[in-house]
mmCIF file of all heavy atoms, coordinates in Angstrom:
data_MODEL
# 
_entry.id   MODEL 
# 
loop_
_atom_site.group_PDB 
_atom_site.id 
_atom_site.type_symbol 
_atom_site.label_atom_id 
_atom_site.label_alt_id 
_atom_site.label_comp_id 
_atom_site.label_asym_id 
_atom_site.label_entity_id 
_atom_site.label_seq_id 
_atom_site.pdbx_PDB_ins_code 
_atom_site.Cartn_x 
_atom_site.Cartn_y 
_atom_site.Cartn_z 
_atom_site.occupancy 
_atom_site.B_iso_or_equiv 
_atom_site.pdbx_formal_charge 
_atom_site.auth_seq_id 
_atom_site.auth_comp_id 
_atom_site.auth_asym_id 
_atom_site.auth_atom_id 
_atom_site.pdbx_PDB_model_num 
ATOM 1   N N   . LYS A 1 1  ? 6.674   -5.982  1.402   1.00 0.00 ? 1  LYS A N   1 
ATOM 2   C CA  . LYS A 1 1  ? 7.996   -6.515  1.649   1.00 0.00 ? 1  LYS A CA  1 
ATOM 3   C C   . LYS A 1 1  ? 8.716   -5.694  2.650   1.00 0.00 ? 1  LYS A C   1 
ATOM 4   O O   . LYS A 1 1  ? 8.396   -4.552  2.953   1.00 0.00 ? 1  LYS A O   1 
ATOM 5   C CB  . LYS A 1 1  ? 8.806   -6.555  0.374   1.00 0.00 ? 1  LYS A CB  1 
ATOM 6   C CG  . LYS A 1 1  ? 9.194   -5.237  -0.195  1.00 0.00 ? 1  LYS A CG  1 
ATOM 7   C CD  . LYS A 1 1  ? 10.060  -5.341  -1.451  1.00 0.00 ? 1  LYS A CD  1 
ATOM 8   C CE  . LYS A 1 1  ? 10.443  -3.947  -2.036  1.00 0.00 ? 1  LYS A CE  1 
ATOM 9   N NZ  . LYS A 1 1  ? 11.293  -4.016  -3.173  1.00 0.00 ? 1  LYS A NZ  1 
ATOM 10  N N   . VAL A 1 2  ? 9.727   -6.323  3.365   1.00 0.00 ? 2  VAL A N   1 
ATOM 11  C CA  . VAL A 1 2  ? 10.626  -5.607  4.321   1.00 0.00 ? 2  VAL A CA  1 
ATOM 12  C C   . VAL A 1 2  ? 12.036  -5.704  3.635   1.00 0.00 ? 2  VAL A C   1 
ATOM 13  O O   . VAL A 1 2  ? 12.518  -6.754  3.358   1.00 0.00 ? 2  VAL A O   1 
ATOM 14  C CB  . VAL A 1 2  ? 10.667  -6.285  5.683   1.00 0.00 ? 2  VAL A CB  1 
ATOM 15  C CG1 . VAL A 1 2  ? 11.515  -5.581  6.597   1.00 0.00 ? 2  VAL A CG1 1 
ATOM 16  C CG2 . VAL A 1 2  ? 9.215   -6.331  6.230   1.00 0.00 ? 2  VAL A CG2 1 
ATOM 17  N N   . LEU A 1 3  ? 12.698  -4.480  3.439   1.00 0.00 ? 3  LEU A N   1 
ATOM 18  C CA  . LEU A 1 3  ? 13.887  -4.449  2.742   1.00 0.00 ? 3  LEU A CA  1 
ATOM 19  C C   . LEU A 1 3  ? 14.788  -3.303  3.379   1.00 0.00 ? 3  LEU A C   1 
ATOM 20  O O   . LEU A 1 3  ? 14.385  -2.165  3.431   1.00 0.00 ? 3  LEU A O   1 
ATOM 21  C CB  . LEU A 1 3  ? 13.698  -4.177  1.305   1.00 0.00 ? 3  LEU A CB  1 
ATOM 22  C CG  . LEU A 1 3  ? 14.982  -4.039  0.329   1.00 0.00 ? 3  LEU A CG  1 
ATOM 23  C CD1 . LEU A 1 3  ? 15.671  -5.401  0.300   1.00 0.00 ? 3  LEU A CD1 1 
ATOM 24  C CD2 . LEU A 1 3  ? 14.500  -3.591  -1.034  1.00 0.00 ? 3  LEU A CD2 1 
ATOM 25  N N   . ASN A 1 4  ? 16.002  -3.652  3.720   1.00 0.00 ? 4  ASN A N   1 
ATOM 26  C CA  . ASN A 1 4  ? 17.027  -2.783  4.149   1.00 0.00 ? 4  ASN A CA  1 
ATOM 27  C C   . ASN A 1 4  ? 16.489  -1.737  5.259   1.00 0.00 ? 4  ASN A C   1 
ATOM 28  O O   . ASN A 1 4  ? 16.734  -0.547  5.315   1.00 0.00 ? 4  ASN A O   1 
ATOM 29  C CB  . ASN A 1 4  ? 17.486  -1.878  2.951   1.00 0.00 ? 4  ASN A CB  1 
ATOM 30  C CG  . ASN A 1 4  ? 18.217  -2.738  1.941   1.00 0.00 ? 4  ASN A CG  1 
ATOM 31  O OD1 . ASN A 1 4  ? 18.992  -3.626  2.308   1.00 0.00 ? 4  ASN A OD1 1 
ATOM 32  N ND2 . ASN A 1 4  ? 18.097  -2.386  0.669   1.00 0.00 ? 4  ASN A ND2 1 
ATOM 33  N N   . GLY A 1 5  ? 15.691  -2.306  6.216   1.00 0.00 ? 5  GLY A N   1 
ATOM 34  C CA  . GLY A 1 5  ? 15.257  -1.562  7.319   1.00 0.00 ? 5  GLY A CA  1 
ATOM 35  C C   . GLY A 1 5  ? 13.955  -0.732  7.094   1.00 0.00 ? 5  GLY A C   1 
ATOM 36  O O   . GLY A 1 5  ? 13.556  0.026   7.937   1.00 0.00 ? 5  GLY A O   1 
ATOM 37  N N   . TYR A 1 6  ? 13.343  -1.023  5.923   1.00 0.00 ? 6  TYR A N   1 
ATOM 38  C CA  . TYR A 1 6  ? 12.084  -0.311  5.510   1.00 0.00 ? 6  TYR A CA  1 
ATOM 39  C C   . TYR A 1 6  ? 10.944  -1.289  5.172   1.00 0.00 ? 6  TYR A C   1 
ATOM 40  O O   . TYR A 1 6  ? 11.297  -2.389  4.606   1.00 0.00 ? 6  TYR A O   1 
ATOM 41  C CB  . TYR A 1 6  ? 12.309  0.755   4.476   1.00 0.00 ? 6  TYR A CB  1 
ATOM 42  C CG  . TYR A 1 6  ? 13.020  1.963   4.850   1.00 0.00 ? 6  TYR A CG  1 
ATOM 43  C CD1 . TYR A 1 6  ? 14.499  1.837   4.843   1.00 0.00 ? 6  TYR A CD1 1 
ATOM 44  C CD2 . TYR A 1 6  ? 12.505  3.084   5.406   1.00 0.00 ? 6  TYR A CD2 1 
ATOM 45  C CE1 . TYR A 1 6  ? 15.277  2.989   5.268   1.00 0.00 ? 6  TYR A CE1 1 
ATOM 46  C CE2 . TYR A 1 6  ? 13.201  4.172   5.777   1.00 0.00 ? 6  TYR A CE2 1 
ATOM 47  C CZ  . TYR A 1 6  ? 14.607  4.118   5.763   1.00 0.00 ? 6  TYR A CZ  1 
ATOM 48  O OH  . TYR A 1 6  ? 15.336  5.207   6.173   1.00 0.00 ? 6  TYR A OH  1 
ATOM 49  N N   . VAL A 1 7  ? 9.736   -0.972  5.450   1.00 0.00 ? 7  VAL A N   1 
ATOM 50  C CA  . VAL A 1 7  ? 8.602   -1.820  5.197   1.00 0.00 ? 7  VAL A CA  1 
ATOM 51  C C   . VAL A 1 7  ? 7.896   -1.114  3.998   1.00 0.00 ? 7  VAL A C   1 
ATOM 52  O O   . VAL A 1 7  ? 7.554   0.027   3.997   1.00 0.00 ? 7  VAL A O   1 
ATOM 53  C CB  . VAL A 1 7  ? 7.742   -1.942  6.316   1.00 0.00 ? 7  VAL A CB  1 
ATOM 54  C CG1 . VAL A 1 7  ? 6.521   -2.852  6.044   1.00 0.00 ? 7  VAL A CG1 1 
ATOM 55  C CG2 . VAL A 1 7  ? 8.420   -2.350  7.567   1.00 0.00 ? 7  VAL A CG2 1 
ATOM 56  N N   . TYR A 1 8  ? 7.605   -1.929  2.898   1.00 0.00 ? 8  TYR A N   1 
ATOM 57  C CA  . TYR A 1 8  ? 6.947   -1.370  1.678   1.00 0.00 ? 8  TYR A CA  1 
ATOM 58  C C   . TYR A 1 8  ? 5.543   -2.011  1.529   1.00 0.00 ? 8  TYR A C   1 
ATOM 59  O O   . TYR A 1 8  ? 5.411   -3.195  1.503   1.00 0.00 ? 8  TYR A O   1 
ATOM 60  C CB  . TYR A 1 8  ? 7.855   -1.772  0.510   1.00 0.00 ? 8  TYR A CB  1 
ATOM 61  C CG  . TYR A 1 8  ? 9.167   -1.072  0.451   1.00 0.00 ? 8  TYR A CG  1 
ATOM 62  C CD1 . TYR A 1 8  ? 10.260  -1.557  1.178   1.00 0.00 ? 8  TYR A CD1 1 
ATOM 63  C CD2 . TYR A 1 8  ? 9.337   0.028   -0.374  1.00 0.00 ? 8  TYR A CD2 1 
ATOM 64  C CE1 . TYR A 1 8  ? 11.462  -0.896  1.182   1.00 0.00 ? 8  TYR A CE1 1 
ATOM 65  C CE2 . TYR A 1 8  ? 10.597  0.734   -0.413  1.00 0.00 ? 8  TYR A CE2 1 
ATOM 66  C CZ  . TYR A 1 8  ? 11.638  0.224   0.284   1.00 0.00 ? 8  TYR A CZ  1 
ATOM 67  O OH  . TYR A 1 8  ? 12.853  0.852   0.316   1.00 0.00 ? 8  TYR A OH  1 
ATOM 68  N N   . PHE A 1 9  ? 4.640   -1.107  1.401   1.00 0.00 ? 9  PHE A N   1 
ATOM 69  C CA  . PHE A 1 9  ? 3.218   -1.489  1.108   1.00 0.00 ? 9  PHE A CA  1 
ATOM 70  C C   . PHE A 1 9  ? 2.900   -0.855  -0.293  1.00 0.00 ? 9  PHE A C   1 
ATOM 71  O O   . PHE A 1 9  ? 3.029   0.359   -0.489  1.00 0.00 ? 9  PHE A O   1 
ATOM 72  C CB  . PHE A 1 9  ? 2.210   -0.910  2.072   1.00 0.00 ? 9  PHE A CB  1 
ATOM 73  C CG  . PHE A 1 9  ? 2.431   -1.349  3.474   1.00 0.00 ? 9  PHE A CG  1 
ATOM 74  C CD1 . PHE A 1 9  ? 3.415   -0.479  4.351   1.00 0.00 ? 9  PHE A CD1 1 
ATOM 75  C CD2 . PHE A 1 9  ? 1.893   -2.410  4.102   1.00 0.00 ? 9  PHE A CD2 1 
ATOM 76  C CE1 . PHE A 1 9  ? 3.590   -0.845  5.616   1.00 0.00 ? 9  PHE A CE1 1 
ATOM 77  C CE2 . PHE A 1 9  ? 2.122   -2.754  5.421   1.00 0.00 ? 9  PHE A CE2 1 
ATOM 78  C CZ  . PHE A 1 9  ? 3.006   -1.939  6.185   1.00 0.00 ? 9  PHE A CZ  1 
ATOM 79  N N   . ARG A 1 10 ? 2.390   -1.685  -1.245  1.00 0.00 ? 10 ARG A N   1 
ATOM 80  C CA  . ARG A 1 10 ? 2.175   -1.173  -2.577  1.00 0.00 ? 10 ARG A CA  1 
ATOM 81  C C   . ARG A 1 10 ? 0.872   -1.622  -3.054  1.00 0.00 ? 10 ARG A C   1 
ATOM 82  O O   . ARG A 1 10 ? 0.421   -2.810  -2.911  1.00 0.00 ? 10 ARG A O   1 
ATOM 83  C CB  . ARG A 1 10 ? 3.312   -1.590  -3.554  1.00 0.00 ? 10 ARG A CB  1 
ATOM 84  C CG  . ARG A 1 10 ? 4.571   -0.801  -3.343  1.00 0.00 ? 10 ARG A CG  1 
ATOM 85  C CD  . ARG A 1 10 ? 5.698   -1.201  -4.165  1.00 0.00 ? 10 ARG A CD  1 
ATOM 86  N NE  . ARG A 1 10 ? 6.830   -0.262  -4.021  1.00 0.00 ? 10 ARG A NE  1 
ATOM 87  C CZ  . ARG A 1 10 ? 8.060   -0.539  -4.395  1.00 0.00 ? 10 ARG A CZ  1 
ATOM 88  N NH1 . ARG A 1 10 ? 8.448   -1.713  -4.790  1.00 0.00 ? 10 ARG A NH1 1 
ATOM 89  N NH2 . ARG A 1 10 ? 9.058   0.372   -4.085  1.00 0.00 ? 10 ARG A NH2 1 
ATOM 90  N N   . ALA A 1 11 ? 0.111   -0.745  -3.796  1.00 0.00 ? 11 ALA A N   1 
ATOM 91  C CA  . ALA A 1 11 ? -1.097  -1.091  -4.417  1.00 0.00 ? 11 ALA A CA  1 
ATOM 92  C C   . ALA A 1 11 ? -1.113  -0.567  -5.832  1.00 0.00 ? 11 ALA A C   1 
ATOM 93  O O   . ALA A 1 11 ? -0.601  0.623   -6.051  1.00 0.00 ? 11 ALA A O   1 
ATOM 94  C CB  . ALA A 1 11 ? -2.305  -0.487  -3.634  1.00 0.00 ? 11 ALA A CB  1 
ATOM 95  N N   . ALA A 1 12 ? -1.611  -1.229  -6.839  1.00 0.00 ? 12 ALA A N   1 
ATOM 96  C CA  . ALA A 1 12 ? -1.599  -0.826  -8.203  1.00 0.00 ? 12 ALA A CA  1 
ATOM 97  C C   . ALA A 1 12 ? -2.795  -1.400  -8.901  1.00 0.00 ? 12 ALA A C   1 
ATOM 98  O O   . ALA A 1 12 ? -3.346  -2.382  -8.534  1.00 0.00 ? 12 ALA A O   1 
ATOM 99  C CB  . ALA A 1 12 ? -0.294  -1.298  -8.855  1.00 0.00 ? 12 ALA A CB  1 
ATOM 100 N N   . GLY A 1 13 ? -3.212  -0.628  -9.987  1.00 0.00 ? 13 GLY A N   1 
ATOM 101 C CA  . GLY A 1 13 ? -4.271  -1.073  -10.847 1.00 0.00 ? 13 GLY A CA  1 
ATOM 102 C C   . GLY A 1 13 ? -5.710  -0.768  -10.300 1.00 0.00 ? 13 GLY A C   1 
ATOM 103 O O   . GLY A 1 13 ? -6.657  -1.123  -10.894 1.00 0.00 ? 13 GLY A O   1 
ATOM 104 N N   . PHE A 1 14 ? -5.816  0.124   -9.312  1.00 0.00 ? 14 PHE A N   1 
ATOM 105 C CA  . PHE A 1 14 ? -7.108  0.604   -8.901  1.00 0.00 ? 14 PHE A CA  1 
ATOM 106 C C   . PHE A 1 14 ? -7.557  1.735   -9.700  1.00 0.00 ? 14 PHE A C   1 
ATOM 107 O O   . PHE A 1 14 ? -6.788  2.331   -10.472 1.00 0.00 ? 14 PHE A O   1 
ATOM 108 C CB  . PHE A 1 14 ? -7.046  0.887   -7.357  1.00 0.00 ? 14 PHE A CB  1 
ATOM 109 C CG  . PHE A 1 14 ? -6.086  1.954   -6.969  1.00 0.00 ? 14 PHE A CG  1 
ATOM 110 C CD1 . PHE A 1 14 ? -6.333  3.278   -6.982  1.00 0.00 ? 14 PHE A CD1 1 
ATOM 111 C CD2 . PHE A 1 14 ? -4.809  1.599   -6.585  1.00 0.00 ? 14 PHE A CD2 1 
ATOM 112 C CE1 . PHE A 1 14 ? -5.455  4.226   -6.629  1.00 0.00 ? 14 PHE A CE1 1 
ATOM 113 C CE2 . PHE A 1 14 ? -3.889  2.462   -6.130  1.00 0.00 ? 14 PHE A CE2 1 
ATOM 114 C CZ  . PHE A 1 14 ? -4.111  3.801   -6.210  1.00 0.00 ? 14 PHE A CZ  1 
ATOM 115 N N   . HIS A 1 15 ? -8.827  2.142   -9.566  1.00 0.00 ? 15 HIS A N   1 
ATOM 116 C CA  . HIS A 1 15 ? -9.310  3.289   -10.335 1.00 0.00 ? 15 HIS A CA  1 
ATOM 117 C C   . HIS A 1 15 ? -9.696  4.430   -9.452  1.00 0.00 ? 15 HIS A C   1 
ATOM 118 O O   . HIS A 1 15 ? -9.801  4.428   -8.287  1.00 0.00 ? 15 HIS A O   1 
ATOM 119 C CB  . HIS A 1 15 ? -10.592 2.725   -11.102 1.00 0.00 ? 15 HIS A CB  1 
ATOM 120 C CG  . HIS A 1 15 ? -10.305 1.589   -12.025 1.00 0.00 ? 15 HIS A CG  1 
ATOM 121 N ND1 . HIS A 1 15 ? -9.365  1.672   -13.050 1.00 0.00 ? 15 HIS A ND1 1 
ATOM 122 C CD2 . HIS A 1 15 ? -10.801 0.339   -12.065 1.00 0.00 ? 15 HIS A CD2 1 
ATOM 123 C CE1 . HIS A 1 15 ? -9.388  0.532   -13.647 1.00 0.00 ? 15 HIS A CE1 1 
ATOM 124 N NE2 . HIS A 1 15 ? -10.215 -0.333  -13.129 1.00 0.00 ? 15 HIS A NE2 1 
ATOM 125 N N   . PHE A 1 16 ? -9.885  5.578   -10.112 1.00 0.00 ? 16 PHE A N   1 
ATOM 126 C CA  . PHE A 1 16 ? -10.219 6.849   -9.392  1.00 0.00 ? 16 PHE A CA  1 
ATOM 127 C C   . PHE A 1 16 ? -11.611 7.146   -9.680  1.00 0.00 ? 16 PHE A C   1 
ATOM 128 O O   . PHE A 1 16 ? -12.316 6.414   -10.448 1.00 0.00 ? 16 PHE A O   1 
ATOM 129 C CB  . PHE A 1 16 ? -9.262  7.961   -9.998  1.00 0.00 ? 16 PHE A CB  1 
ATOM 130 C CG  . PHE A 1 16 ? -7.807  7.729   -9.647  1.00 0.00 ? 16 PHE A CG  1 
ATOM 131 C CD1 . PHE A 1 16 ? -6.863  7.164   -10.584 1.00 0.00 ? 16 PHE A CD1 1 
ATOM 132 C CD2 . PHE A 1 16 ? -7.300  8.048   -8.344  1.00 0.00 ? 16 PHE A CD2 1 
ATOM 133 C CE1 . PHE A 1 16 ? -5.543  6.945   -10.211 1.00 0.00 ? 16 PHE A CE1 1 
ATOM 134 C CE2 . PHE A 1 16 ? -5.924  7.874   -7.996  1.00 0.00 ? 16 PHE A CE2 1 
ATOM 135 C CZ  . PHE A 1 16 ? -5.066  7.279   -8.948  1.00 0.00 ? 16 PHE A CZ  1 
ATOM 136 N N   . SER A 1 17 ? -12.409 8.156   -8.845  1.00 0.00 ? 17 SER A N   1 
ATOM 137 C CA  . SER A 1 17 ? -11.697 9.378   -8.681  1.00 0.00 ? 17 SER A CA  1 
ATOM 138 C C   . SER A 1 17 ? -11.132 9.710   -7.276  1.00 0.00 ? 17 SER A C   1 
ATOM 139 O O   . SER A 1 17 ? -9.968  10.197  -7.192  1.00 0.00 ? 17 SER A O   1 
ATOM 140 C CB  . SER A 1 17 ? -12.630 10.538  -9.114  1.00 0.00 ? 17 SER A CB  1 
ATOM 141 O OG  . SER A 1 17 ? -13.702 10.649  -8.275  1.00 0.00 ? 17 SER A OG  1 
ATOM 142 N N   . VAL A 1 18 ? -11.873 9.409   -6.212  1.00 0.00 ? 18 VAL A N   1 
ATOM 143 C CA  . VAL A 1 18 ? -11.372 9.809   -4.891  1.00 0.00 ? 18 VAL A CA  1 
ATOM 144 C C   . VAL A 1 18 ? -11.271 8.606   -3.938  1.00 0.00 ? 18 VAL A C   1 
ATOM 145 O O   . VAL A 1 18 ? -12.013 8.550   -2.935  1.00 0.00 ? 18 VAL A O   1 
ATOM 146 C CB  . VAL A 1 18 ? -12.172 11.032  -4.226  1.00 0.00 ? 18 VAL A CB  1 
ATOM 147 C CG1 . VAL A 1 18 ? -11.401 11.568  -3.075  1.00 0.00 ? 18 VAL A CG1 1 
ATOM 148 C CG2 . VAL A 1 18 ? -12.465 12.034  -5.217  1.00 0.00 ? 18 VAL A CG2 1 
ATOM 149 N N   . PRO A 1 19 ? -10.559 7.647   -4.262  1.00 0.00 ? 19 PRO A N   1 
ATOM 150 C CA  . PRO A 1 19 ? -10.451 6.442   -3.326  1.00 0.00 ? 19 PRO A CA  1 
ATOM 151 C C   . PRO A 1 19 ? -9.589  6.698   -2.116  1.00 0.00 ? 19 PRO A C   1 
ATOM 152 O O   . PRO A 1 19 ? -8.746  7.627   -2.164  1.00 0.00 ? 19 PRO A O   1 
ATOM 153 C CB  . PRO A 1 19 ? -9.811  5.327   -4.201  1.00 0.00 ? 19 PRO A CB  1 
ATOM 154 C CG  . PRO A 1 19 ? -8.939  6.138   -5.189  1.00 0.00 ? 19 PRO A CG  1 
ATOM 155 C CD  . PRO A 1 19 ? -9.674  7.439   -5.438  1.00 0.00 ? 19 PRO A CD  1 
ATOM 156 N N   . LYS A 1 20 ? -9.800  5.919   -1.066  1.00 0.00 ? 20 LYS A N   1 
ATOM 157 C CA  . LYS A 1 20 ? -8.936  6.070   0.143   1.00 0.00 ? 20 LYS A CA  1 
ATOM 158 C C   . LYS A 1 20 ? -8.191  4.727   0.224   1.00 0.00 ? 20 LYS A C   1 
ATOM 159 O O   . LYS A 1 20 ? -8.761  3.555   0.031   1.00 0.00 ? 20 LYS A O   1 
ATOM 160 C CB  . LYS A 1 20 ? -9.891  6.140   1.341   1.00 0.00 ? 20 LYS A CB  1 
ATOM 161 C CG  . LYS A 1 20 ? -9.104  6.208   2.664   1.00 0.00 ? 20 LYS A CG  1 
ATOM 162 C CD  . LYS A 1 20 ? -10.053 6.438   3.866   1.00 0.00 ? 20 LYS A CD  1 
ATOM 163 C CE  . LYS A 1 20 ? -10.578 7.860   3.764   1.00 0.00 ? 20 LYS A CE  1 
ATOM 164 N NZ  . LYS A 1 20 ? -11.444 8.122   5.018   1.00 0.00 ? 20 LYS A NZ  1 
ATOM 165 N N   . ILE A 1 21 ? -6.933  4.852   0.425   1.00 0.00 ? 21 ILE A N   1 
ATOM 166 C CA  . ILE A 1 21 ? -6.049  3.673   0.605   1.00 0.00 ? 21 ILE A CA  1 
ATOM 167 C C   . ILE A 1 21 ? -5.894  3.352   1.990   1.00 0.00 ? 21 ILE A C   1 
ATOM 168 O O   . ILE A 1 21 ? -5.593  4.223   2.852   1.00 0.00 ? 21 ILE A O   1 
ATOM 169 C CB  . ILE A 1 21 ? -4.587  3.901   0.047   1.00 0.00 ? 21 ILE A CB  1 
ATOM 170 C CG1 . ILE A 1 21 ? -4.635  4.619   -1.347  1.00 0.00 ? 21 ILE A CG1 1 
ATOM 171 C CG2 . ILE A 1 21 ? -3.876  2.611   -0.003  1.00 0.00 ? 21 ILE A CG2 1 
ATOM 172 C CD1 . ILE A 1 21 ? -5.310  3.773   -2.470  1.00 0.00 ? 21 ILE A CD1 1 
ATOM 173 N N   . LYS A 1 22 ? -6.225  2.089   2.489   1.00 0.00 ? 22 LYS A N   1 
ATOM 174 C CA  . LYS A 1 22 ? -6.171  1.706   3.835   1.00 0.00 ? 22 LYS A CA  1 
ATOM 175 C C   . LYS A 1 22 ? -5.159  0.562   4.012   1.00 0.00 ? 22 LYS A C   1 
ATOM 176 O O   . LYS A 1 22 ? -5.209  -0.453  3.287   1.00 0.00 ? 22 LYS A O   1 
ATOM 177 C CB  . LYS A 1 22 ? -7.612  1.233   4.336   1.00 0.00 ? 22 LYS A CB  1 
ATOM 178 C CG  . LYS A 1 22 ? -7.752  0.998   5.807   1.00 0.00 ? 22 LYS A CG  1 
ATOM 179 C CD  . LYS A 1 22 ? -9.147  0.644   6.167   1.00 0.00 ? 22 LYS A CD  1 
ATOM 180 C CE  . LYS A 1 22 ? -9.328  0.432   7.616   1.00 0.00 ? 22 LYS A CE  1 
ATOM 181 N NZ  . LYS A 1 22 ? -10.728 0.142   7.945   1.00 0.00 ? 22 LYS A NZ  1 
ATOM 182 N N   . VAL A 1 23 ? -4.267  0.714   4.963   1.00 0.00 ? 23 VAL A N   1 
ATOM 183 C CA  . VAL A 1 23 ? -3.165  -0.231  5.232   1.00 0.00 ? 23 VAL A CA  1 
ATOM 184 C C   . VAL A 1 23 ? -3.212  -0.719  6.706   1.00 0.00 ? 23 VAL A C   1 
ATOM 185 O O   . VAL A 1 23 ? -3.293  0.080   7.637   1.00 0.00 ? 23 VAL A O   1 
ATOM 186 C CB  . VAL A 1 23 ? -1.824  0.339   4.957   1.00 0.00 ? 23 VAL A CB  1 
ATOM 187 C CG1 . VAL A 1 23 ? -0.705  -0.620  5.315   1.00 0.00 ? 23 VAL A CG1 1 
ATOM 188 C CG2 . VAL A 1 23 ? -1.773  0.738   3.423   1.00 0.00 ? 23 VAL A CG2 1 
ATOM 189 N N   . SER A 1 24 ? -3.261  -2.056  6.868   1.00 0.00 ? 24 SER A N   1 
ATOM 190 C CA  . SER A 1 24 ? -3.126  -2.696  8.189   1.00 0.00 ? 24 SER A CA  1 
ATOM 191 C C   . SER A 1 24 ? -2.237  -3.875  8.110   1.00 0.00 ? 24 SER A C   1 
ATOM 192 O O   . SER A 1 24 ? -1.921  -4.363  6.991   1.00 0.00 ? 24 SER A O   1 
ATOM 193 C CB  . SER A 1 24 ? -4.445  -2.963  8.854   1.00 0.00 ? 24 SER A CB  1 
ATOM 194 O OG  . SER A 1 24 ? -5.186  -3.788  7.991   1.00 0.00 ? 24 SER A OG  1 
ATOM 195 N N   . VAL A 1 25 ? -1.906  -4.482  9.233   1.00 0.00 ? 25 VAL A N   1 
ATOM 196 C CA  . VAL A 1 25 ? -1.121  -5.732  9.242   1.00 0.00 ? 25 VAL A CA  1 
ATOM 197 C C   . VAL A 1 25 ? -1.797  -6.713  10.176  1.00 0.00 ? 25 VAL A C   1 
ATOM 198 O O   . VAL A 1 25 ? -2.465  -6.350  11.177  1.00 0.00 ? 25 VAL A O   1 
ATOM 199 C CB  . VAL A 1 25 ? 0.284   -5.521  9.752   1.00 0.00 ? 25 VAL A CB  1 
ATOM 200 C CG1 . VAL A 1 25 ? 1.001   -4.570  8.750   1.00 0.00 ? 25 VAL A CG1 1 
ATOM 201 C CG2 . VAL A 1 25 ? 0.373   -4.925  11.141  1.00 0.00 ? 25 VAL A CG2 1 
ATOM 202 N N   . VAL A 1 26 ? -1.660  -8.009  9.849   1.00 0.00 ? 26 VAL A N   1 
ATOM 203 C CA  . VAL A 1 26 ? -2.127  -9.093  10.654  1.00 0.00 ? 26 VAL A CA  1 
ATOM 204 C C   . VAL A 1 26 ? -1.001  -10.072 10.868  1.00 0.00 ? 26 VAL A C   1 
ATOM 205 O O   . VAL A 1 26 ? -0.147  -10.235 10.056  1.00 0.00 ? 26 VAL A O   1 
ATOM 206 C CB  . VAL A 1 26 ? -3.362  -9.791  10.100  1.00 0.00 ? 26 VAL A CB  1 
ATOM 207 C CG1 . VAL A 1 26 ? -4.543  -8.806  10.051  1.00 0.00 ? 26 VAL A CG1 1 
ATOM 208 C CG2 . VAL A 1 26 ? -3.010  -10.374 8.654   1.00 0.00 ? 26 VAL A CG2 1 
# 
């Protein structure tokens, strides 16, 4: 989402132990 001049990327419910979070836009 885009809110009050900031862009929010959120991920939840994934598992560990050493994952990498990757964010891009299209």
